[in-house]
Amino acid sequence: MQQPFKVEIKRMPGGEDMPLPLKMSAGASGYDVHAAVDEPVEIAPGERRLIPTGFALAMPNGLEAQIRPRSGLAFKHGITTLNTPGTIDADYRGEVKVLLVNLGLEPFVVRRGERIAQMVFQTVPEIDLSEVRELDETERGAGGFGHTGV
């Protein structure tokens, strides 16, 4: 079994009372992330808002954190994250914020401490991009968007 990656987490000013990201079950992939808003924030239908979480991360190179929607918020209220998955790079040290959008029909209110997204950690491989004049041929070729019939 691989040794766990060490990820440091820092509470930001105003986030001292906030829950840190937490897995809600032993088999969960994501860590639930909470809203560190000072007062309730209403998101009207079609509106997007950047919501603070009250923490920052320090990850080793080769690791990223992805911010993803919570399925319950998406299903029940039409609340999801834009730029999904949102990427937190290993060299970013600012507060993690979540870009929420309301795709529902009713206004949604984000309250302090509410679970608003999930954070999933992924490894990032080193890649050697090599410019070439031609690419090898495949059966699919340049077919995209719906090309496979799905």
Protein backbone atom coordinates (compact mmCIF):
# COMPACT_ATOMS: atom_id res chain seq x y z
CA MET A 1 0.00 0.00 0.00
CA GLN A 2 1.26 3.47 -0.90
CA GLN A 3 2.18 5.85 1.90
CA PRO A 4 -0.38 8.65 2.30
CA PHE A 5 0.47 12.08 0.94
CA LYS A 6 1.01 14.71 3.59
CA VAL A 7 -1.32 17.65 3.05
CA GLU A 8 -1.16 20.56 5.45
CA ILE A 9 -4.29 22.57 6.18
CA LYS A 10 -4.47 26.04 7.70
CA ARG A 11 -7.53 27.74 9.12
CA MET A 12 -7.95 31.21 7.68
CA PRO A 13 -8.92 34.25 9.77
CA GLY A 14 -12.64 34.04 10.36
CA GLY A 15 -12.66 30.28 9.81
CA GLU A 16 -11.47 29.23 13.27
CA ASP A 17 -14.85 27.73 14.17
CA MET A 18 -15.39 26.00 10.81
CA PRO A 19 -15.26 22.22 10.41
CA LEU A 20 -12.23 21.09 8.45
CA PRO A 21 -12.91 19.05 5.29
CA LEU A 22 -14.21 15.66 6.34
CA LYS A 23 -14.98 12.31 4.73
CA MET A 24 -18.53 11.36 5.64
CA SER A 25 -17.92 7.61 5.31
CA ALA A 26 -14.95 5.25 5.34
CA GLY A 27 -15.28 4.56 1.61
CA ALA A 28 -15.88 8.15 0.51
CA SER A 29 -13.56 9.61 -2.13
CA GLY A 30 -14.34 13.21 -1.33
CA TYR A 31 -13.95 15.43 1.70
CA ASP A 32 -17.00 17.59 2.34
CA VAL A 33 -16.20 21.31 2.30
CA HIS A 34 -18.18 23.84 4.34
CA ALA A 35 -19.24 27.44 3.70
CA ALA A 36 -17.37 30.00 5.80
CA VAL A 37 -19.72 32.88 4.98
CA ASP A 38 -20.12 35.60 7.62
CA GLU A 39 -23.84 35.89 6.95
CA PRO A 40 -26.31 33.96 4.76
CA VAL A 41 -25.67 34.36 1.03
CA GLU A 42 -28.62 34.11 -1.35
CA ILE A 43 -27.97 32.75 -4.83
CA ALA A 44 -30.78 33.62 -7.22
CA PRO A 45 -31.64 31.29 -10.13
CA GLY A 46 -28.97 31.71 -12.80
CA GLU A 47 -26.63 33.53 -10.40
CA ARG A 48 -23.14 32.42 -9.35
CA ARG A 49 -21.31 33.28 -6.14
CA LEU A 50 -17.79 32.62 -4.85
CA ILE A 51 -18.08 31.08 -1.38
CA PRO A 52 -15.14 31.00 1.08
CA THR A 53 -14.31 27.80 2.97
CA GLY A 54 -12.14 29.15 5.79
CA PHE A 55 -9.04 27.07 4.96
CA ALA A 56 -5.95 26.92 2.76
CA LEU A 57 -3.84 23.91 1.75
CA ALA A 58 -0.19 23.02 1.19
CA MET A 59 0.18 19.92 -0.96
CA PRO A 60 3.31 18.26 -2.30
CA ASN A 61 4.11 18.60 -6.00
CA GLY A 62 2.42 15.83 -7.95
CA LEU A 63 -0.88 16.26 -6.11
CA GLU A 64 -3.92 18.41 -6.83
CA ALA A 65 -7.24 18.92 -5.07
CA GLN A 66 -10.40 19.00 -7.17
CA ILE A 67 -13.56 20.80 -6.06
CA ARG A 68 -16.68 18.98 -7.18
CA PRO A 69 -20.43 19.38 -6.66
CA ARG A 70 -22.35 17.65 -3.90
CA SER A 71 -24.94 15.39 -5.50
CA GLY A 72 -27.60 16.19 -2.88
CA LEU A 73 -27.42 19.94 -3.49
CA ALA A 74 -27.48 19.39 -7.24
CA PHE A 75 -30.47 17.04 -7.13
CA LYS A 76 -32.58 18.82 -4.50
CA HIS A 77 -31.83 22.46 -5.33
CA GLY A 78 -30.00 22.68 -8.68
CA ILE A 79 -26.86 23.97 -6.92
CA THR A 80 -23.61 22.92 -8.57
CA THR A 81 -20.05 24.13 -9.01
CA LEU A 82 -18.81 25.94 -12.09
CA ASN A 83 -15.44 25.13 -13.66
CA THR A 84 -15.98 21.57 -12.51
CA PRO A 85 -13.82 20.11 -11.34
CA GLY A 86 -12.15 23.20 -9.95
CA THR A 87 -8.41 22.64 -9.60
CA ILE A 88 -6.35 23.65 -6.59
CA ASP A 89 -2.70 23.45 -7.64
CA ALA A 90 0.05 22.23 -5.32
CA ASP A 91 1.69 25.67 -5.27
CA TYR A 92 -1.49 27.65 -4.39
CA ARG A 93 -1.55 28.90 -0.80
CA GLY A 94 -4.64 31.11 -0.75
CA GLU A 95 -8.02 30.35 0.75
CA VAL A 96 -9.95 27.62 -1.04
CA LYS A 97 -13.16 29.09 -2.46
CA VAL A 98 -16.04 27.35 -4.20
CA LEU A 99 -17.79 28.84 -7.25
CA LEU A 100 -21.45 27.88 -6.84
CA VAL A 101 -24.18 28.42 -9.42
CA ASN A 102 -27.92 28.07 -8.98
CA LEU A 103 -29.40 26.15 -11.90
CA GLY A 104 -32.64 25.64 -10.00
CA LEU A 105 -35.88 27.58 -10.18
CA GLU A 106 -35.85 28.99 -6.64
CA PRO A 107 -33.35 31.17 -4.75
CA PHE A 108 -30.96 29.16 -2.56
CA VAL A 109 -29.44 30.43 0.68
CA VAL A 110 -25.93 29.33 1.70
CA ARG A 111 -25.49 29.37 5.48
CA ARG A 112 -22.33 29.28 7.57
CA GLY A 113 -21.12 25.72 8.14
CA GLU A 114 -23.26 24.21 5.39
CA ARG A 115 -21.65 21.51 3.27
CA ILE A 116 -21.35 23.06 -0.20
CA ALA A 117 -18.95 20.90 -2.21
CA GLN A 118 -16.54 18.01 -2.00
CA MET A 119 -12.79 17.97 -2.42
CA VAL A 120 -11.09 14.99 -4.07
CA PHE A 121 -7.31 14.63 -4.20
CA GLN A 122 -5.67 13.32 -7.37
CA THR A 123 -2.12 12.58 -8.42
CA VAL A 124 -0.75 14.56 -11.36
CA PRO A 125 1.79 12.71 -13.52
CA GLU A 126 4.86 14.38 -14.98
CA ILE A 127 4.34 14.71 -18.73
CA ASP A 128 6.88 15.21 -21.50
CA LEU A 129 5.08 16.98 -24.37
CA SER A 130 6.88 16.39 -27.65
CA GLU A 131 6.01 18.41 -30.74
CA VAL A 132 5.75 16.28 -33.90
CA ARG A 133 4.76 16.94 -37.53
CA GLU A 134 2.24 14.07 -37.69
CA LEU A 135 0.33 11.90 -35.21
CA ASP A 136 -0.23 8.19 -35.57
CA GLU A 137 -3.57 7.12 -37.10
CA THR A 138 -6.37 5.51 -35.10
CA GLU A 139 -9.74 4.06 -36.08
CA ARG A 140 -11.52 7.02 -34.45
CA GLY A 141 -9.29 9.65 -36.00
CA ALA A 142 -10.48 13.22 -35.42
CA GLY A 143 -14.09 12.24 -34.58
CA GLY A 144 -15.34 14.01 -31.46
CA PHE A 145 -18.52 15.21 -29.70
CA GLY A 146 -21.01 12.40 -30.30
CA HIS A 147 -18.82 10.58 -32.81
CA THR A 148 -19.15 7.25 -30.96
CA GLY A 149 -22.96 7.39 -31.17
CA VAL A 150 -23.56 8.08 -27.50
